[in-house]
PDB file of all heavy atoms in Angstrom:
ATOM      1  N   ARG A   1       0.814  -1.219   0.000  1.00  0.00           N
ATOM      2  CA  ARG A   1       0.000   0.000   0.000  1.00  0.00           C
ATOM      3  C   ARG A   1       0.847   1.268   0.000  1.00  0.00           C
ATOM      4  O   ARG A   1       0.343   2.344  -0.296  1.00  0.00           O
ATOM      5  CB  ARG A   1      -0.948  -0.008   1.184  1.00  0.00           C
ATOM      6  CG  ARG A   1      -0.288   0.046   2.539  1.00  0.00           C
ATOM      7  CD  ARG A   1      -1.316  -0.020   3.658  1.00  0.00           C
ATOM      8  NE  ARG A   1      -2.027  -1.280   3.674  1.00  0.00           N
ATOM      9  CZ  ARG A   1      -3.316  -1.408   3.406  1.00  0.00           C
ATOM     10  NH1 ARG A   1      -4.038  -0.345   3.077  1.00  0.00           N
ATOM     11  NH2 ARG A   1      -3.896  -2.596   3.462  1.00  0.00           N
ATOM     12  N   LEU A   2       2.124   1.169   0.325  1.00  0.00           N
ATOM     13  CA  LEU A   2       2.992   2.348   0.392  1.00  0.00           C
ATOM     14  C   LEU A   2       3.697   2.648  -0.927  1.00  0.00           C
ATOM     15  O   LEU A   2       4.343   3.690  -1.056  1.00  0.00           O
ATOM     16  CB  LEU A   2       4.051   2.155   1.479  1.00  0.00           C
ATOM     17  CG  LEU A   2       3.536   1.956   2.898  1.00  0.00           C
ATOM     18  CD1 LEU A   2       4.711   1.786   3.860  1.00  0.00           C
ATOM     19  CD2 LEU A   2       2.659   3.121   3.338  1.00  0.00           C
ATOM     20  N   HIS A   3       3.580   1.742  -1.896  1.00  0.00           N
ATOM     21  CA  HIS A   3       4.402   1.835  -3.101  1.00  0.00           C
ATOM     22  C   HIS A   3       3.621   2.224  -4.341  1.00  0.00           C
ATOM     23  O   HIS A   3       2.614   1.576  -4.672  1.00  0.00           O
ATOM     24  CB  HIS A   3       5.089   0.495  -3.369  1.00  0.00           C
ATOM     25  CG  HIS A   3       6.170   0.192  -2.387  1.00  0.00           C
ATOM     26  ND1 HIS A   3       7.502   0.426  -2.661  1.00  0.00           N
ATOM     27  CD2 HIS A   3       6.125  -0.294  -1.138  1.00  0.00           C
ATOM     28  CE1 HIS A   3       8.229   0.085  -1.627  1.00  0.00           C
ATOM     29  NE2 HIS A   3       7.412  -0.361  -0.685  1.00  0.00           N
ATOM     30  N   PRO A   4       4.083   3.260  -5.055  1.00  0.00           N
ATOM     31  CA  PRO A   4       3.551   3.490  -6.396  1.00  0.00           C
ATOM     32  C   PRO A   4       3.862   2.290  -7.286  1.00  0.00           C
ATOM     33  O   PRO A   4       4.881   1.610  -7.089  1.00  0.00           O
ATOM     34  CB  PRO A   4       4.313   4.725  -6.881  1.00  0.00           C
ATOM     35  CG  PRO A   4       4.847   5.366  -5.652  1.00  0.00           C
ATOM     36  CD  PRO A   4       5.083   4.258  -4.675  1.00  0.00           C
ATOM     37  N   MET A   5       2.994   2.047  -8.248  1.00  0.00           N
ATOM     38  CA  MET A   5       3.160   0.905  -9.158  1.00  0.00           C
ATOM     39  C   MET A   5       3.038   1.397 -10.593  1.00  0.00           C
ATOM     40  O   MET A   5       2.316   2.355 -10.878  1.00  0.00           O
ATOM     41  CB  MET A   5       2.087  -0.147  -8.895  1.00  0.00           C
ATOM     42  CG  MET A   5       2.126  -0.757  -7.501  1.00  0.00           C
ATOM     43  SD  MET A   5       3.636  -1.680  -7.160  1.00  0.00           S
ATOM     44  CE  MET A   5       3.620  -2.896  -8.487  1.00  0.00           C
ATOM     45  N   ASN A   6       3.699   0.712 -11.488  1.00  0.00           N
ATOM     46  CA  ASN A   6       3.698   1.096 -12.896  1.00  0.00           C
ATOM     47  C   ASN A   6       3.505  -0.109 -13.789  1.00  0.00           C
ATOM     48  O   ASN A   6       3.867  -1.230 -13.429  1.00  0.00           O
ATOM     49  CB  ASN A   6       5.036   1.745 -13.270  1.00  0.00           C
ATOM     50  CG  ASN A   6       5.384   2.916 -12.400  1.00  0.00           C
ATOM     51  OD1 ASN A   6       4.646   3.902 -12.324  1.00  0.00           O
ATOM     52  ND2 ASN A   6       6.517   2.834 -11.714  1.00  0.00           N
ATOM     53  N   TRP A   7       2.989   0.160 -14.982  1.00  0.00           N
ATOM     54  CA  TRP A   7       2.999  -0.789 -16.087  1.00  0.00           C
ATOM     55  C   TRP A   7       3.847  -0.201 -17.209  1.00  0.00           C
ATOM     56  O   TRP A   7       3.641   0.945 -17.610  1.00  0.00           O
ATOM     57  CB  TRP A   7       1.598  -1.059 -16.607  1.00  0.00           C
ATOM     58  CG  TRP A   7       0.781  -1.957 -15.739  1.00  0.00           C
ATOM     59  CD1 TRP A   7      -0.185  -1.592 -14.842  1.00  0.00           C
ATOM     60  CD2 TRP A   7       0.837  -3.385 -15.708  1.00  0.00           C
ATOM     61  NE1 TRP A   7      -0.723  -2.705 -14.251  1.00  0.00           N
ATOM     62  CE2 TRP A   7      -0.120  -3.820 -14.768  1.00  0.00           C
ATOM     63  CE3 TRP A   7       1.591  -4.345 -16.385  1.00  0.00           C
ATOM     64  CZ2 TRP A   7      -0.337  -5.167 -14.484  1.00  0.00           C
ATOM     65  CZ3 TRP A   7       1.373  -5.680 -16.102  1.00  0.00           C
ATOM     66  CH2 TRP A   7       0.430  -6.089 -15.162  1.00  0.00           C
ATOM     67  N   TYR A   8       4.794  -0.998 -17.681  1.00  0.00           N
ATOM     68  CA  TYR A   8       5.616  -0.656 -18.830  1.00  0.00           C
ATOM     69  C   TYR A   8       5.328  -1.663 -19.937  1.00  0.00           C
ATOM     70  O   TYR A   8       4.789  -2.739 -19.692  1.00  0.00           O
ATOM     71  CB  TYR A   8       7.107  -0.752 -18.486  1.00  0.00           C
ATOM     72  CG  TYR A   8       7.695   0.389 -17.712  1.00  0.00           C
ATOM     73  CD1 TYR A   8       7.432   0.545 -16.358  1.00  0.00           C
ATOM     74  CD2 TYR A   8       8.526   1.311 -18.330  1.00  0.00           C
ATOM     75  CE1 TYR A   8       7.994   1.585 -15.637  1.00  0.00           C
ATOM     76  CE2 TYR A   8       9.109   2.351 -17.621  1.00  0.00           C
ATOM     77  CZ  TYR A   8       8.838   2.479 -16.277  1.00  0.00           C
ATOM     78  OH  TYR A   8       9.400   3.519 -15.570  1.00  0.00           O
ATOM     79  N   ARG A   9       5.741  -1.331 -21.160  1.00  0.00           N
ATOM     80  CA  ARG A   9       5.691  -2.295 -22.243  1.00  0.00           C
ATOM     81  C   ARG A   9       6.928  -2.143 -23.108  1.00  0.00           C
ATOM     82  O   ARG A   9       7.558  -1.086 -23.151  1.00  0.00           O
ATOM     83  CB  ARG A   9       4.427  -2.125 -23.084  1.00  0.00           C
ATOM     84  CG  ARG A   9       4.320  -0.811 -23.841  1.00  0.00           C
ATOM     85  CD  ARG A   9       2.954  -0.725 -24.515  1.00  0.00           C
ATOM     86  NE  ARG A   9       2.779   0.545 -25.215  1.00  0.00           N
ATOM     87  CZ  ARG A   9       1.624   0.945 -25.740  1.00  0.00           C
ATOM     88  NH1 ARG A   9       0.539   0.170 -25.653  1.00  0.00           N
ATOM     89  NH2 ARG A   9       1.557   2.108 -26.363  1.00  0.00           N
ATOM     90  N   GLN A  10       7.247  -3.227 -23.792  1.00  0.00           N
ATOM     91  CA  GLN A  10       8.447  -3.248 -24.621  1.00  0.00           C
ATOM     92  C   GLN A  10       8.232  -4.146 -25.822  1.00  0.00           C
ATOM     93  O   GLN A  10       7.681  -5.248 -25.690  1.00  0.00           O
ATOM     94  CB  GLN A  10       9.645  -3.744 -23.812  1.00  0.00           C
ATOM     95  CG  GLN A  10      10.969  -3.621 -24.514  1.00  0.00           C
ATOM     96  CD  GLN A  10      12.143  -3.963 -23.609  1.00  0.00           C
ATOM     97  OE1 GLN A  10      12.013  -4.723 -22.656  1.00  0.00           O
ATOM     98  NE2 GLN A  10      13.307  -3.374 -23.896  1.00  0.00           N
ATOM     99  N   THR A  11       8.667  -3.659 -26.988  1.00  0.00           N
ATOM    100  CA  THR A  11       8.704  -4.469 -28.194  1.00  0.00           C
ATOM    101  C   THR A  11      10.160  -4.715 -28.557  1.00  0.00           C
ATOM    102  O   THR A  11      11.046  -3.944 -28.160  1.00  0.00           O
ATOM    103  CB  THR A  11       7.968  -3.778 -29.348  1.00  0.00           C
ATOM    104  OG1 THR A  11       8.523  -2.455 -29.523  1.00  0.00           O
ATOM    105  CG2 THR A  11       6.490  -3.645 -29.057  1.00  0.00           C
ATOM    106  N   PRO A  12      10.440  -5.767 -29.316  1.00  0.00           N
ATOM    107  CA  PRO A  12      11.836  -6.108 -29.635  1.00  0.00           C
ATOM    108  C   PRO A  12      12.581  -4.949 -30.278  1.00  0.00           C
ATOM    109  O   PRO A  12      12.066  -4.296 -31.193  1.00  0.00           O
ATOM    110  CB  PRO A  12      11.687  -7.287 -30.594  1.00  0.00           C
ATOM    111  CG  PRO A  12      10.401  -7.921 -30.201  1.00  0.00           C
ATOM    112  CD  PRO A  12       9.505  -6.787 -29.813  1.00  0.00           C
ATOM    113  N   GLY A  13      13.768  -4.663 -29.785  1.00  0.00           N
ATOM    114  CA  GLY A  13      14.600  -3.610 -30.340  1.00  0.00           C
ATOM    115  C   GLY A  13      14.260  -2.215 -29.870  1.00  0.00           C
ATOM    116  O   GLY A  13      14.915  -1.251 -30.264  1.00  0.00           O
ATOM    117  N   MET A  14      13.227  -2.099 -29.021  1.00  0.00           N
ATOM    118  CA  MET A  14      12.803  -0.781 -28.552  1.00  0.00           C
ATOM    119  C   MET A  14      13.032  -0.661 -27.058  1.00  0.00           C
ATOM    120  O   MET A  14      13.108  -1.660 -26.336  1.00  0.00           O
ATOM    121  CB  MET A  14      11.324  -0.566 -28.869  1.00  0.00           C
ATOM    122  CG  MET A  14      10.991  -0.660 -30.345  1.00  0.00           C
ATOM    123  SD  MET A  14      11.768   0.642 -31.320  1.00  0.00           S
ATOM    124  CE  MET A  14      10.791   2.044 -30.789  1.00  0.00           C
ATOM    125  N   GLN A  15      13.111   0.586 -26.572  1.00  0.00           N
ATOM    126  CA  GLN A  15      13.213   0.807 -25.127  1.00  0.00           C
ATOM    127  C   GLN A  15      11.890   0.525 -24.451  1.00  0.00           C
ATOM    128  O   GLN A  15      10.820   0.646 -25.060  1.00  0.00           O
ATOM    129  CB  GLN A  15      13.614   2.264 -24.868  1.00  0.00           C
ATOM    130  CG  GLN A  15      15.080   2.557 -25.096  1.00  0.00           C
ATOM    131  CD  GLN A  15      15.504   3.876 -24.486  1.00  0.00           C
ATOM    132  OE1 GLN A  15      14.741   4.835 -24.485  1.00  0.00           O
ATOM    133  NE2 GLN A  15      16.710   3.924 -23.958  1.00  0.00           N
ATOM    134  N   ARG A  16      11.998   0.161 -23.204  1.00  0.00           N
ATOM    135  CA  ARG A  16      10.797  -0.073 -22.411  1.00  0.00           C
ATOM    136  C   ARG A  16      10.084   1.267 -22.214  1.00  0.00           C
ATOM    137  O   ARG A  16      10.715   2.274 -21.889  1.00  0.00           O
ATOM    138  CB  ARG A  16      11.193  -0.688 -21.072  1.00  0.00           C
ATOM    139  CG  ARG A  16      10.176  -1.571 -20.449  1.00  0.00           C
ATOM    140  CD  ARG A  16      10.781  -2.413 -19.345  1.00  0.00           C
ATOM    141  NE  ARG A  16      11.459  -3.587 -19.869  1.00  0.00           N
ATOM    142  CZ  ARG A  16      11.844  -4.606 -19.112  1.00  0.00           C
ATOM    143  NH1 ARG A  16      11.638  -4.573 -17.808  1.00  0.00           N
ATOM    144  NH2 ARG A  16      12.461  -5.642 -19.647  1.00  0.00           N
ATOM    145  N   GLU A  17       8.770   1.259 -22.400  1.00  0.00           N
ATOM    146  CA  GLU A  17       7.957   2.480 -22.368  1.00  0.00           C
ATOM    147  C   GLU A  17       7.012   2.449 -21.175  1.00  0.00           C
ATOM    148  O   GLU A  17       6.301   1.453 -20.968  1.00  0.00           O
ATOM    149  CB  GLU A  17       7.136   2.583 -23.665  1.00  0.00           C
ATOM    150  CG  GLU A  17       6.126   3.715 -23.687  1.00  0.00           C
ATOM    151  CD  GLU A  17       5.158   3.629 -24.856  1.00  0.00           C
ATOM    152  OE1 GLU A  17       4.754   2.516 -25.222  1.00  0.00           O
ATOM    153  OE2 GLU A  17       4.783   4.696 -25.381  1.00  0.00           O
ATOM    154  N   LEU A  18       6.974   3.542 -20.411  1.00  0.00           N
ATOM    155  CA  LEU A  18       6.007   3.648 -19.321  1.00  0.00           C
ATOM    156  C   LEU A  18       4.618   3.861 -19.903  1.00  0.00           C
ATOM    157  O   LEU A  18       4.379   4.817 -20.632  1.00  0.00           O
ATOM    158  CB  LEU A  18       6.377   4.800 -18.398  1.00  0.00           C
ATOM    159  CG  LEU A  18       5.425   5.074 -17.241  1.00  0.00           C
ATOM    160  CD1 LEU A  18       5.317   3.885 -16.297  1.00  0.00           C
ATOM    161  CD2 LEU A  18       5.875   6.324 -16.471  1.00  0.00           C
ATOM    162  N   VAL A  19       3.706   2.983 -19.576  1.00  0.00           N
ATOM    163  CA  VAL A  19       2.338   3.040 -20.094  1.00  0.00           C
ATOM    164  C   VAL A  19       1.415   3.735 -19.102  1.00  0.00           C
ATOM    165  O   VAL A  19       0.627   4.607 -19.477  1.00  0.00           O
ATOM    166  CB  VAL A  19       1.822   1.618 -20.375  1.00  0.00           C
ATOM    167  CG1 VAL A  19       0.355   1.652 -20.801  1.00  0.00           C
ATOM    168  CG2 VAL A  19       2.669   0.942 -21.429  1.00  0.00           C
ATOM    169  N   ALA A  20       1.498   3.351 -17.847  1.00  0.00           N
ATOM    170  CA  ALA A  20       0.610   3.899 -16.822  1.00  0.00           C
ATOM    171  C   ALA A  20       1.251   3.729 -15.457  1.00  0.00           C
ATOM    172  O   ALA A  20       1.999   2.779 -15.233  1.00  0.00           O
ATOM    173  CB  ALA A  20      -0.747   3.198 -16.851  1.00  0.00           C
ATOM    174  N   GLY A  21       0.924   4.650 -14.568  1.00  0.00           N
ATOM    175  CA  GLY A  21       1.404   4.568 -13.198  1.00  0.00           C
ATOM    176  C   GLY A  21       0.283   4.923 -12.240  1.00  0.00           C
ATOM    177  O   GLY A  21      -0.657   5.645 -12.605  1.00  0.00           O
ATOM    178  N   ILE A  22       0.384   4.404 -11.036  1.00  0.00           N
ATOM    179  CA  ILE A  22      -0.608   4.714 -10.010  1.00  0.00           C
ATOM    180  C   ILE A  22       0.120   4.926  -8.692  1.00  0.00           C
ATOM    181  O   ILE A  22       0.969   4.117  -8.294  1.00  0.00           O
ATOM    182  CB  ILE A  22      -1.691   3.616  -9.929  1.00  0.00           C
ATOM    183  CG1 ILE A  22      -2.806   4.031  -8.977  1.00  0.00           C
ATOM    184  CG2 ILE A  22      -1.097   2.257  -9.531  1.00  0.00           C
ATOM    185  CD1 ILE A  22      -4.064   3.175  -9.113  1.00  0.00           C
ATOM    186  N   SER A  23      -0.202   6.034  -8.033  1.00  0.00           N
ATOM    187  CA  SER A  23       0.465   6.359  -6.775  1.00  0.00           C
ATOM    188  C   SER A  23      -0.101   5.521  -5.633  1.00  0.00           C
ATOM    189  O   SER A  23      -1.078   4.783  -5.794  1.00  0.00           O
ATOM    190  CB  SER A  23       0.276   7.845  -6.477  1.00  0.00           C
ATOM    191  OG  SER A  23      -1.080   8.106  -6.167  1.00  0.00           O
ATOM    192  N   SER A  24       0.510   5.661  -4.473  1.00  0.00           N
ATOM    193  CA  SER A  24       0.044   4.913  -3.312  1.00  0.00           C
ATOM    194  C   SER A  24      -1.365   5.335  -2.911  1.00  0.00           C
ATOM    195  O   SER A  24      -2.094   4.540  -2.303  1.00  0.00           O
ATOM    196  CB  SER A  24       1.003   5.103  -2.133  1.00  0.00           C
ATOM    197  OG  SER A  24       1.149   6.470  -1.836  1.00  0.00           O
ATOM    198  N   ASP A  25      -1.771   6.561  -3.259  1.00  0.00           N
ATOM    199  CA  ASP A  25      -3.144   6.987  -2.963  1.00  0.00           C
ATOM    200  C   ASP A  25      -4.012   6.979  -4.213  1.00  0.00           C
ATOM    201  O   ASP A  25      -4.994   7.714  -4.308  1.00  0.00           O
ATOM    202  CB  ASP A  25      -3.163   8.357  -2.279  1.00  0.00           C
ATOM    203  CG  ASP A  25      -2.437   9.424  -3.060  1.00  0.00           C
ATOM    204  OD1 ASP A  25      -1.826   9.086  -4.087  1.00  0.00           O
ATOM    205  OD2 ASP A  25      -2.478  10.592  -2.643  1.00  0.00           O
ATOM    206  N   SER A  26      -3.614   6.127  -5.183  1.00  0.00           N
ATOM    207  CA  SER A  26      -4.438   5.800  -6.357  1.00  0.00           C
ATOM    208  C   SER A  26      -4.634   6.930  -7.358  1.00  0.00           C
ATOM    209  O   SER A  26      -5.629   6.942  -8.082  1.00  0.00           O
ATOM    210  CB  SER A  26      -5.794   5.234  -5.930  1.00  0.00           C
ATOM    211  OG  SER A  26      -5.603   3.995  -5.266  1.00  0.00           O
ATOM    212  N   VAL A  27      -3.692   7.848  -7.425  1.00  0.00           N
ATOM    213  CA  VAL A  27      -3.699   8.831  -8.507  1.00  0.00           C
ATOM    214  C   VAL A  27      -3.016   8.193  -9.713  1.00  0.00           C
ATOM    215  O   VAL A  27      -1.890   7.698  -9.607  1.00  0.00           O
ATOM    216  CB  VAL A  27      -2.982  10.125  -8.098  1.00  0.00           C
ATOM    217  CG1 VAL A  27      -2.911  11.083  -9.277  1.00  0.00           C
ATOM    218  CG2 VAL A  27      -3.691  10.774  -6.914  1.00  0.00           C
ATOM    219  N   ALA A  28      -3.710   8.206 -10.846  1.00  0.00           N
ATOM    220  CA  ALA A  28      -3.227   7.509 -12.034  1.00  0.00           C
ATOM    221  C   ALA A  28      -2.710   8.492 -13.077  1.00  0.00           C
ATOM    222  O   ALA A  28      -3.184   9.629 -13.165  1.00  0.00           O
ATOM    223  CB  ALA A  28      -4.340   6.669 -12.633  1.00  0.00           C
ATOM    224  N   ASN A  29      -1.757   8.023 -13.872  1.00  0.00           N
ATOM    225  CA  ASN A  29      -1.308   8.798 -15.028  1.00  0.00           C
ATOM    226  C   ASN A  29      -1.006   7.836 -16.164  1.00  0.00           C
ATOM    227  O   ASN A  29      -0.711   6.661 -15.942  1.00  0.00           O
ATOM    228  CB  ASN A  29      -0.094   9.663 -14.695  1.00  0.00           C
ATOM    229  CG  ASN A  29       1.082   8.843 -14.236  1.00  0.00           C
ATOM    230  OD1 ASN A  29       1.853   8.330 -15.035  1.00  0.00           O
ATOM    231  ND2 ASN A  29       1.245   8.694 -12.923  1.00  0.00           N
ATOM    232  N   TYR A  30      -1.080   8.355 -17.388  1.00  0.00           N
ATOM    233  CA  TYR A  30      -1.001   7.518 -18.585  1.00  0.00           C
ATOM    234  C   TYR A  30      -0.147   8.192 -19.661  1.00  0.00           C
ATOM    235  O   TYR A  30      -0.134   9.419 -19.781  1.00  0.00           O
ATOM    236  CB  TYR A  30      -2.394   7.276 -19.159  1.00  0.00           C
ATOM    237  CG  TYR A  30      -3.357   6.651 -18.185  1.00  0.00           C
ATOM    238  CD1 TYR A  30      -4.181   7.441 -17.382  1.00  0.00           C
ATOM    239  CD2 TYR A  30      -3.450   5.274 -18.063  1.00  0.00           C
ATOM    240  CE1 TYR A  30      -5.054   6.868 -16.474  1.00  0.00           C
ATOM    241  CE2 TYR A  30      -4.322   4.692 -17.161  1.00  0.00           C
ATOM    242  CZ  TYR A  30      -5.127   5.500 -16.366  1.00  0.00           C
ATOM    243  OH  TYR A  30      -5.987   4.928 -15.476  1.00  0.00           O
ATOM    244  N   VAL A  31       0.470   7.379 -20.482  1.00  0.00           N
ATOM    245  CA  VAL A  31       1.066   7.898 -21.703  1.00  0.00           C
ATOM    246  C   VAL A  31      -0.074   8.298 -22.636  1.00  0.00           C
ATOM    247  O   VAL A  31      -1.163   7.691 -22.607  1.00  0.00           O
ATOM    248  CB  VAL A  31       2.001   6.840 -22.341  1.00  0.00           C
ATOM    249  CG1 VAL A  31       1.226   5.649 -22.863  1.00  0.00           C
ATOM    250  CG2 VAL A  31       2.855   7.463 -23.414  1.00  0.00           C
ATOM    251  N   ASP A  32       0.154   9.314 -23.447  1.00  0.00           N
ATOM    252  CA  ASP A  32      -0.934   9.854 -24.273  1.00  0.00           C
ATOM    253  C   ASP A  32      -1.577   8.800 -25.169  1.00  0.00           C
ATOM    254  O   ASP A  32      -2.796   8.822 -25.400  1.00  0.00           O
ATOM    255  CB  ASP A  32      -0.414  11.001 -25.146  1.00  0.00           C
ATOM    256  CG  ASP A  32      -0.200  12.280 -24.353  1.00  0.00           C
ATOM    257  OD1 ASP A  32      -0.672  12.356 -23.194  1.00  0.00           O
ATOM    258  OD2 ASP A  32       0.442  13.210 -24.890  1.00  0.00           O
ATOM    259  N   SER A  33      -0.782   7.864 -25.658  1.00  0.00           N
ATOM    260  CA  SER A  33      -1.298   6.906 -26.641  1.00  0.00           C
ATOM    261  C   SER A  33      -2.329   5.931 -26.068  1.00  0.00           C
ATOM    262  O   SER A  33      -3.026   5.265 -26.838  1.00  0.00           O
ATOM    263  CB  SER A  33      -0.138   6.117 -27.255  1.00  0.00           C
ATOM    264  OG  SER A  33       0.559   5.398 -26.254  1.00  0.00           O
ATOM    265  N   VAL A  34      -2.429   5.847 -24.737  1.00  0.00           N
ATOM    266  CA  VAL A  34      -3.390   4.909 -24.141  1.00  0.00           C
ATOM    267  C   VAL A  34      -4.487   5.614 -23.342  1.00  0.00           C
ATOM    268  O   VAL A  34      -5.403   4.945 -22.835  1.00  0.00           O
ATOM    269  CB  VAL A  34      -2.693   3.862 -23.249  1.00  0.00           C
ATOM    270  CG1 VAL A  34      -1.560   3.173 -23.998  1.00  0.00           C
ATOM    271  CG2 VAL A  34      -2.214   4.450 -21.943  1.00  0.00           C
ATOM    272  N   LYS A  35      -4.387   6.937 -23.228  1.00  0.00           N
ATOM    273  CA  LYS A  35      -5.433   7.663 -22.478  1.00  0.00           C
ATOM    274  C   LYS A  35      -6.789   7.390 -23.087  1.00  0.00           C
ATOM    275  O   LYS A  35      -6.948   7.324 -24.305  1.00  0.00           O
ATOM    276  CB  LYS A  35      -5.131   9.166 -22.498  1.00  0.00           C
ATOM    277  CG  LYS A  35      -4.049   9.591 -21.526  1.00  0.00           C
ATOM    278  CD  LYS A  35      -3.797  11.090 -21.607  1.00  0.00           C
ATOM    279  CE  LYS A  35      -2.694  11.492 -20.639  1.00  0.00           C
ATOM    280  NZ  LYS A  35      -2.338  12.926 -20.759  1.00  0.00           N
ATOM    281  N   ASP A  36      -7.774   7.238 -22.242  1.00  0.00           N
ATOM    282  CA  ASP A  36      -9.161   6.964 -22.626  1.00  0.00           C
ATOM    283  C   ASP A  36      -9.379   5.536 -23.120  1.00  0.00           C
ATOM    284  O   ASP A  36     -10.509   5.181 -23.474  1.00  0.00           O
ATOM    285  CB  ASP A  36      -9.665   7.946 -23.703  1.00  0.00           C
ATOM    286  CG  ASP A  36      -9.606   9.384 -23.242  1.00  0.00           C
ATOM    287  OD1 ASP A  36      -9.869   9.633 -22.044  1.00  0.00           O
ATOM    288  OD2 ASP A  36      -9.291  10.254 -24.066  1.00  0.00           O
ATOM    289  N   ARG A  37      -8.309   4.719 -23.151  1.00  0.00           N
ATOM    290  CA  ARG A  37      -8.481   3.303 -23.534  1.00  0.00           C
ATOM    291  C   ARG A  37      -8.047   2.366 -22.409  1.00  0.00           C
ATOM    292  O   ARG A  37      -8.641   1.299 -22.223  1.00  0.00           O
ATOM    293  CB  ARG A  37      -7.657   2.982 -24.788  1.00  0.00           C
ATOM    294  CG  ARG A  37      -8.062   3.775 -26.002  1.00  0.00           C
ATOM    295  CD  ARG A  37      -7.367   3.251 -27.264  1.00  0.00           C
ATOM    296  NE  ARG A  37      -5.913   3.342 -27.176  1.00  0.00           N
ATOM    297  CZ  ARG A  37      -5.091   2.298 -27.296  1.00  0.00           C
ATOM    298  NH1 ARG A  37      -5.563   1.090 -27.510  1.00  0.00           N
ATOM    299  NH2 ARG A  37      -3.770   2.471 -27.222  1.00  0.00           N
ATOM    300  N   PHE A  38      -7.010   2.751 -21.673  1.00  0.00           N
ATOM    301  CA  PHE A  38      -6.466   1.908 -20.606  1.00  0.00           C
ATOM    302  C   PHE A  38      -6.811   2.518 -19.247  1.00  0.00           C
ATOM    303  O   PHE A  38      -6.848   3.749 -19.099  1.00  0.00           O
ATOM    304  CB  PHE A  38      -4.950   1.799 -20.712  1.00  0.00           C
ATOM    305  CG  PHE A  38      -4.424   1.005 -21.874  1.00  0.00           C
ATOM    306  CD1 PHE A  38      -5.245   0.598 -22.911  1.00  0.00           C
ATOM    307  CD2 PHE A  38      -3.079   0.668 -21.923  1.00  0.00           C
ATOM    308  CE1 PHE A  38      -4.748  -0.131 -23.984  1.00  0.00           C
ATOM    309  CE2 PHE A  38      -2.559  -0.059 -22.982  1.00  0.00           C
ATOM    310  CZ  PHE A  38      -3.400  -0.461 -24.013  1.00  0.00           C
TER     311      PHE A  38
END
């Protein structure tokens, strides 16, 4: 409950990309490409 958590994604040959994060008090943020879908 004290730790922010993140989801990343990666395709072969590319850097790992931050997709979404959520703080310990459930504030969420998203990369623009997934907003309104994820």
